[in-house]
C-alpha atoms as a PDB file:
ATOM      1  CA  MET A   1      27.809  30.353  13.169  1.00  0.00           C
ATOM      2  CA  LYS A   2      25.773  32.769  11.091  1.00  0.00           C
ATOM      3  CA  GLN A   3      22.256  31.541  10.433  1.00  0.00           C
ATOM      4  CA  THR A   4      21.174  31.859   6.798  1.00  0.00           C
ATOM      5  CA  SER A   5      17.487  31.930   5.938  1.00  0.00           C
ATOM      6  CA  VAL A   6      17.807  28.482   4.340  1.00  0.00           C
ATOM      7  CA  ASN A   7      19.524  27.197   7.474  1.00  0.00           C
ATOM      8  CA  ARG A   8      16.694  28.558   9.654  1.00  0.00           C
ATOM      9  CA  MET A   9      14.040  27.072   7.336  1.00  0.00           C
ATOM     10  CA  VAL A  10      15.696  23.653   7.430  1.00  0.00           C
ATOM     11  CA  LYS A  11      15.868  23.717  11.224  1.00  0.00           C
ATOM     12  CA  GLY A  12      12.240  24.801  11.425  1.00  0.00           C
ATOM     13  CA  ALA A  13      11.267  21.978   9.057  1.00  0.00           C
ATOM     14  CA  MET A  14      13.216  19.485  11.178  1.00  0.00           C
ATOM     15  CA  ILE A  15      11.379  20.641  14.308  1.00  0.00           C
ATOM     16  CA  ALA A  16       8.052  20.340  12.455  1.00  0.00           C
ATOM     17  CA  ALA A  17       8.940  16.843  11.233  1.00  0.00           C
ATOM     18  CA  LEU A  18       9.971  15.712  14.709  1.00  0.00           C
ATOM     19  CA  TYR A  19       6.753  17.123  16.189  1.00  0.00           C
ATOM     20  CA  VAL A  20       4.680  15.263  13.566  1.00  0.00           C
ATOM     21  CA  ALA A  21       6.629  12.023  14.049  1.00  0.00           C
ATOM     22  CA  LEU A  22       6.057  12.129  17.809  1.00  0.00           C
ATOM     23  CA  GLY A  23       2.407  13.055  17.274  1.00  0.00           C
ATOM     24  CA  VAL A  24       1.851  10.122  14.922  1.00  0.00           C
ATOM     25  CA  VAL A  25       3.760   7.565  17.003  1.00  0.00           C
ATOM     26  CA  PHE A  26       1.915   8.589  20.155  1.00  0.00           C
ATOM     27  CA  ALA A  27      -1.418   9.316  18.406  1.00  0.00           C
ATOM     28  CA  PRO A  28      -3.512   7.179  20.801  1.00  0.00           C
ATOM     29  CA  ILE A  29      -2.615   9.507  23.680  1.00  0.00           C
ATOM     30  CA  SER A  30      -2.175  12.717  21.644  1.00  0.00           C
ATOM     31  CA  PHE A  31      -5.816  13.577  20.996  1.00  0.00           C
ATOM     32  CA  ARG A  32      -9.148  13.816  22.862  1.00  0.00           C
ATOM     33  CA  ALA A  33     -10.029  15.495  26.162  1.00  0.00           C
ATOM     34  CA  VAL A  34      -7.646  13.347  28.175  1.00  0.00           C
ATOM     35  CA  GLN A  35      -4.438  13.624  26.216  1.00  0.00           C
ATOM     36  CA  MET A  36      -0.721  13.642  26.692  1.00  0.00           C
ATOM     37  CA  ARG A  37       0.869  14.862  23.493  1.00  0.00           C
ATOM     38  CA  VAL A  38       4.509  13.848  23.920  1.00  0.00           C
ATOM     39  CA  ALA A  39       5.461  16.167  21.040  1.00  0.00           C
ATOM     40  CA  GLU A  40       4.596  19.101  23.321  1.00  0.00           C
ATOM     41  CA  ALA A  41       7.982  18.591  25.010  1.00  0.00           C
ATOM     42  CA  LEU A  42       9.364  20.330  21.926  1.00  0.00           C
ATOM     43  CA  THR A  43       7.411  23.475  22.811  1.00  0.00           C
ATOM     44  CA  LEU A  44      10.341  24.426  25.028  1.00  0.00           C
ATOM     45  CA  LEU A  45      12.697  24.754  22.044  1.00  0.00           C
ATOM     46  CA  PRO A  46      11.916  28.478  21.675  1.00  0.00           C
ATOM     47  CA  VAL A  47      13.976  29.052  24.827  1.00  0.00           C
ATOM     48  CA  PHE A  48      16.971  28.555  22.541  1.00  0.00           C
ATOM     49  CA  SER A  49      15.773  30.470  19.501  1.00  0.00           C
ATOM     50  CA  PRO A  50      12.610  32.069  18.132  1.00  0.00           C
ATOM     51  CA  MET A  51      13.233  30.103  14.914  1.00  0.00           C
ATOM     52  CA  ALA A  52      11.617  27.125  16.674  1.00  0.00           C
ATOM     53  CA  ILE A  53       8.257  28.926  16.809  1.00  0.00           C
ATOM     54  CA  GLY A  54       7.450  28.424  13.123  1.00  0.00           C
ATOM     55  CA  GLY A  55       8.540  24.793  13.163  1.00  0.00           C
ATOM     56  CA  LEU A  56       6.381  24.039  16.178  1.00  0.00           C
ATOM     57  CA  THR A  57       3.370  25.772  14.642  1.00  0.00           C
ATOM     58  CA  LEU A  58       3.739  23.905  11.353  1.00  0.00           C
ATOM     59  CA  GLY A  59       4.320  20.616  13.180  1.00  0.00           C
ATOM     60  CA  CYS A  60       1.195  21.131  15.261  1.00  0.00           C
ATOM     61  CA  ALA A  61      -0.890  22.001  12.186  1.00  0.00           C
ATOM     62  CA  LEU A  62       0.308  18.889  10.345  1.00  0.00           C
ATOM     63  CA  THR A  63      -0.253  16.689  13.396  1.00  0.00           C
ATOM     64  CA  ASN A  64      -3.771  18.074  13.801  1.00  0.00           C
ATOM     65  CA  PHE A  65      -4.363  17.457  10.085  1.00  0.00           C
ATOM     66  CA  TYR A  66      -3.218  13.863  10.597  1.00  0.00           C
ATOM     67  CA  GLY A  67      -5.650  13.559  13.500  1.00  0.00           C
ATOM     68  CA  MET A  68      -8.476  14.834  11.314  1.00  0.00           C
ATOM     69  CA  VAL A  69      -7.844  12.619   8.266  1.00  0.00           C
ATOM     70  CA  THR A  70      -7.323   9.476  10.339  1.00  0.00           C
ATOM     71  CA  GLY A  71     -10.317  10.137  12.582  1.00  0.00           C
ATOM     72  CA  THR A  72      -8.068  10.146  15.638  1.00  0.00           C
ATOM     73  CA  SER A  73      -9.205  13.660  16.497  1.00  0.00           C
ATOM     74  CA  ILE A  74     -12.838  14.720  16.811  1.00  0.00           C
ATOM     75  CA  LEU A  75     -11.890  18.378  16.401  1.00  0.00           C
ATOM     76  CA  GLY A  76     -11.056  18.466  12.691  1.00  0.00           C
ATOM     77  CA  LEU A  77     -10.569  21.866  11.067  1.00  0.00           C
ATOM     78  CA  LEU A  78     -11.215  23.589  14.388  1.00  0.00           C
ATOM     79  CA  ASP A  79      -8.028  22.049  15.791  1.00  0.00           C
ATOM     80  CA  ILE A  80      -5.983  22.624  12.657  1.00  0.00           C
ATOM     81  CA  PHE A  81      -6.695  26.341  12.854  1.00  0.00           C
ATOM     82  CA  PHE A  82      -7.190  27.156  16.540  1.00  0.00           C
ATOM     83  CA  GLY A  83      -4.906  24.442  17.955  1.00  0.00           C
ATOM     84  CA  SER A  84      -2.087  25.594  15.693  1.00  0.00           C
ATOM     85  CA  LEU A  85      -2.763  29.223  16.566  1.00  0.00           C
ATOM     86  CA  ALA A  86      -2.578  28.242  20.254  1.00  0.00           C
ATOM     87  CA  THR A  87       0.811  26.631  19.612  1.00  0.00           C
ATOM     88  CA  LEU A  88       2.034  29.775  17.846  1.00  0.00           C
ATOM     89  CA  VAL A  89       0.973  32.002  20.766  1.00  0.00           C
ATOM     90  CA  ALA A  90       2.302  29.608  23.411  1.00  0.00           C
ATOM     91  CA  ALA A  91       5.646  29.184  21.615  1.00  0.00           C
ATOM     92  CA  TRP A  92       6.076  32.961  21.377  1.00  0.00           C
ATOM     93  CA  MET A  93       5.258  33.314  25.076  1.00  0.00           C
ATOM     94  CA  THR A  94       7.710  30.500  25.889  1.00  0.00           C
ATOM     95  CA  TRP A  95      10.423  32.436  24.068  1.00  0.00           C
ATOM     96  CA  LYS A  96       9.521  35.622  25.982  1.00  0.00           C
ATOM     97  CA  LEU A  97       9.813  33.793  29.340  1.00  0.00           C
ATOM     98  CA  ARG A  98      13.133  32.105  28.513  1.00  0.00           C
ATOM     99  CA  LYS A  99      15.261  34.370  30.689  1.00  0.00           C
ATOM    100  CA  ILE A 100      13.419  33.559  33.918  1.00  0.00           C
ATOM    101  CA  THR A 101      15.522  30.657  35.134  1.00  0.00           C
ATOM    102  CA  TRP A 102      16.243  28.645  38.224  1.00  0.00           C
ATOM    103  CA  LYS A 103      19.561  26.774  38.224  1.00  0.00           C
ATOM    104  CA  GLY A 104      19.803  27.440  34.486  1.00  0.00           C
ATOM    105  CA  LEU A 105      16.382  26.024  33.630  1.00  0.00           C
ATOM    106  CA  PRO A 106      13.632  28.250  32.204  1.00  0.00           C
ATOM    107  CA  ILE A 107      11.098  27.352  34.887  1.00  0.00           C
ATOM    108  CA  LEU A 108       8.247  29.530  33.612  1.00  0.00           C
ATOM    109  CA  SER A 109       8.640  28.649  29.938  1.00  0.00           C
ATOM    110  CA  PRO A 110       6.530  25.459  30.164  1.00  0.00           C
ATOM    111  CA  LEU A 111       3.537  27.437  31.458  1.00  0.00           C
ATOM    112  CA  PRO A 112       2.308  28.958  28.165  1.00  0.00           C
ATOM    113  CA  PRO A 113       1.827  25.626  26.349  1.00  0.00           C
ATOM    114  CA  ILE A 114       0.011  24.265  29.384  1.00  0.00           C
ATOM    115  CA  LEU A 115      -2.271  27.260  29.935  1.00  0.00           C
ATOM    116  CA  VAL A 116      -2.884  28.344  26.342  1.00  0.00           C
ATOM    117  CA  ASN A 117      -3.606  24.802  25.143  1.00  0.00           C
ATOM    118  CA  GLY A 118      -5.779  24.173  28.179  1.00  0.00           C
ATOM    119  CA  VAL A 119      -7.952  27.157  27.341  1.00  0.00           C
ATOM    120  CA  VAL A 120      -7.994  26.827  23.539  1.00  0.00           C
ATOM    121  CA  VAL A 121      -8.266  23.043  23.226  1.00  0.00           C
ATOM    122  CA  GLY A 122     -10.663  23.011  26.173  1.00  0.00           C
ATOM    123  CA  TRP A 123     -12.841  25.454  24.215  1.00  0.00           C
ATOM    124  CA  GLU A 124     -12.496  23.345  21.048  1.00  0.00           C
ATOM    125  CA  LEU A 125     -13.569  20.192  22.880  1.00  0.00           C
ATOM    126  CA  MET A 126     -16.488  21.978  24.521  1.00  0.00           C
ATOM    127  CA  THR A 127     -17.611  23.265  21.126  1.00  0.00           C
ATOM    128  CA  ALA A 128     -17.368  19.792  19.583  1.00  0.00           C
ATOM    129  CA  MET A 129     -19.143  18.110  22.506  1.00  0.00           C
ATOM    130  CA  ALA A 130     -21.742  20.657  23.571  1.00  0.00           C
ATOM    131  CA  GLY A 131     -22.175  22.609  20.350  1.00  0.00           C
ATOM    132  CA  GLY A 132     -21.953  25.915  22.154  1.00  0.00           C
ATOM    133  CA  TRP A 133     -20.879  27.621  25.354  1.00  0.00           C
ATOM    134  CA  ASN A 134     -21.181  25.416  28.419  1.00  0.00           C
ATOM    135  CA  PHE A 135     -18.940  26.520  31.280  1.00  0.00           C
ATOM    136  CA  PRO A 136     -18.823  23.203  33.218  1.00  0.00           C
ATOM    137  CA  ILE A 137     -17.867  21.285  30.055  1.00  0.00           C
ATOM    138  CA  PHE A 138     -15.320  23.970  29.114  1.00  0.00           C
ATOM    139  CA  LEU A 139     -13.751  23.938  32.578  1.00  0.00           C
ATOM    140  CA  THR A 140     -13.589  20.153  32.707  1.00  0.00           C
ATOM    141  CA  ASN A 141     -11.940  19.961  29.282  1.00  0.00           C
ATOM    142  CA  ALA A 142      -9.577  22.887  29.898  1.00  0.00           C
ATOM    143  CA  LEU A 143      -8.354  21.374  33.163  1.00  0.00           C
ATOM    144  CA  SER A 144      -8.022  17.937  31.579  1.00  0.00           C
ATOM    145  CA  VAL A 145      -5.969  19.237  28.653  1.00  0.00           C
ATOM    146  CA  ALA A 146      -3.799  21.405  30.934  1.00  0.00           C
ATOM    147  CA  ALA A 147      -3.185  18.443  33.254  1.00  0.00           C
ATOM    148  CA  GLY A 148      -2.188  16.318  30.255  1.00  0.00           C
ATOM    149  CA  GLN A 149       0.327  19.002  29.253  1.00  0.00           C
ATOM    150  CA  LEU A 150       2.140  18.952  32.610  1.00  0.00           C
ATOM    151  CA  VAL A 151       4.303  15.883  31.975  1.00  0.00           C
ATOM    152  CA  PRO A 152       5.259  16.673  28.352  1.00  0.00           C
ATOM    153  CA  CYS A 153       6.077  20.313  29.126  1.00  0.00           C
ATOM    154  CA  TYR A 154       7.401  20.414  32.670  1.00  0.00           C
ATOM    155  CA  VAL A 155       9.011  16.984  32.842  1.00  0.00           C
ATOM    156  CA  LEU A 156       9.997  15.966  29.307  1.00  0.00           C
ATOM    157  CA  GLY A 157      10.447  19.537  28.063  1.00  0.00           C
ATOM    158  CA  LEU A 158      12.703  20.653  30.903  1.00  0.00           C
ATOM    159  CA  VAL A 159      14.682  17.393  30.689  1.00  0.00           C
ATOM    160  CA  LEU A 160      15.137  18.101  26.967  1.00  0.00           C
ATOM    161  CA  VAL A 161      16.340  21.650  27.686  1.00  0.00           C
ATOM    162  CA  TYR A 162      18.707  20.424  30.405  1.00  0.00           C
ATOM    163  CA  TRP A 163      20.112  17.666  28.176  1.00  0.00           C
ATOM    164  CA  MET A 164      20.603  20.030  25.239  1.00  0.00           C
ATOM    165  CA  GLN A 165      22.391  22.556  27.473  1.00  0.00           C
ATOM    166  CA  LYS A 166      24.597  19.885  29.080  1.00  0.00           C
ATOM    167  CA  THR A 167      25.637  18.371  25.756  1.00  0.00           C
ATOM    168  CA  GLY A 168      26.033  21.709  23.982  1.00  0.00           C
ATOM    169  CA  LEU A 169      23.437  20.684  21.427  1.00  0.00           C
ATOM    170  CA  ASP A 170      21.591  23.958  22.056  1.00  0.00           C
ATOM    171  CA  GLN A 171      24.626  25.897  20.770  1.00  0.00           C
ATOM    172  CA  LYS A 172      25.169  23.551  17.811  1.00  0.00           C
ATOM    173  CA  LEU A 173      21.569  23.635  16.629  1.00  0.00           C
ATOM    174  CA  PHE A 174      20.564  27.163  17.509  1.00  0.00           C
END
């Protein structure tokens, strides 16, 4: 099926909306230094199409905005800008790694969201907590965020990819 620009925009908006919905529903575990943002499972969608990159970035920005206005997130504008930029970079890298598979699963594709968010959100948290560069605080936060990304990306994300491939939903949507 030929993808029109409207079709791609609608799919991107749907991905953004799903990311926000998951971020809001799971808000108590989606923010802070120890976090497990369930919506990050969606960061594997670029393995099917680069059109998912924009939707993920917008969804992350809106979720971070929600965290700021509700006080759920201590990072505020820092997270809206840098957290969303991290999602953009990680989603692009996920797409680039999509062809490295094991038994049909893109085994390296979950790494960018884990590593990029670990570094960027770890830096954001350090900045918010310490007010400047402090390597021990940065390292603690970066490792905590990266660890919290493992289950959403490697477990939920790869299960999502597997399920979409098995059901043919990847071909229908992308």
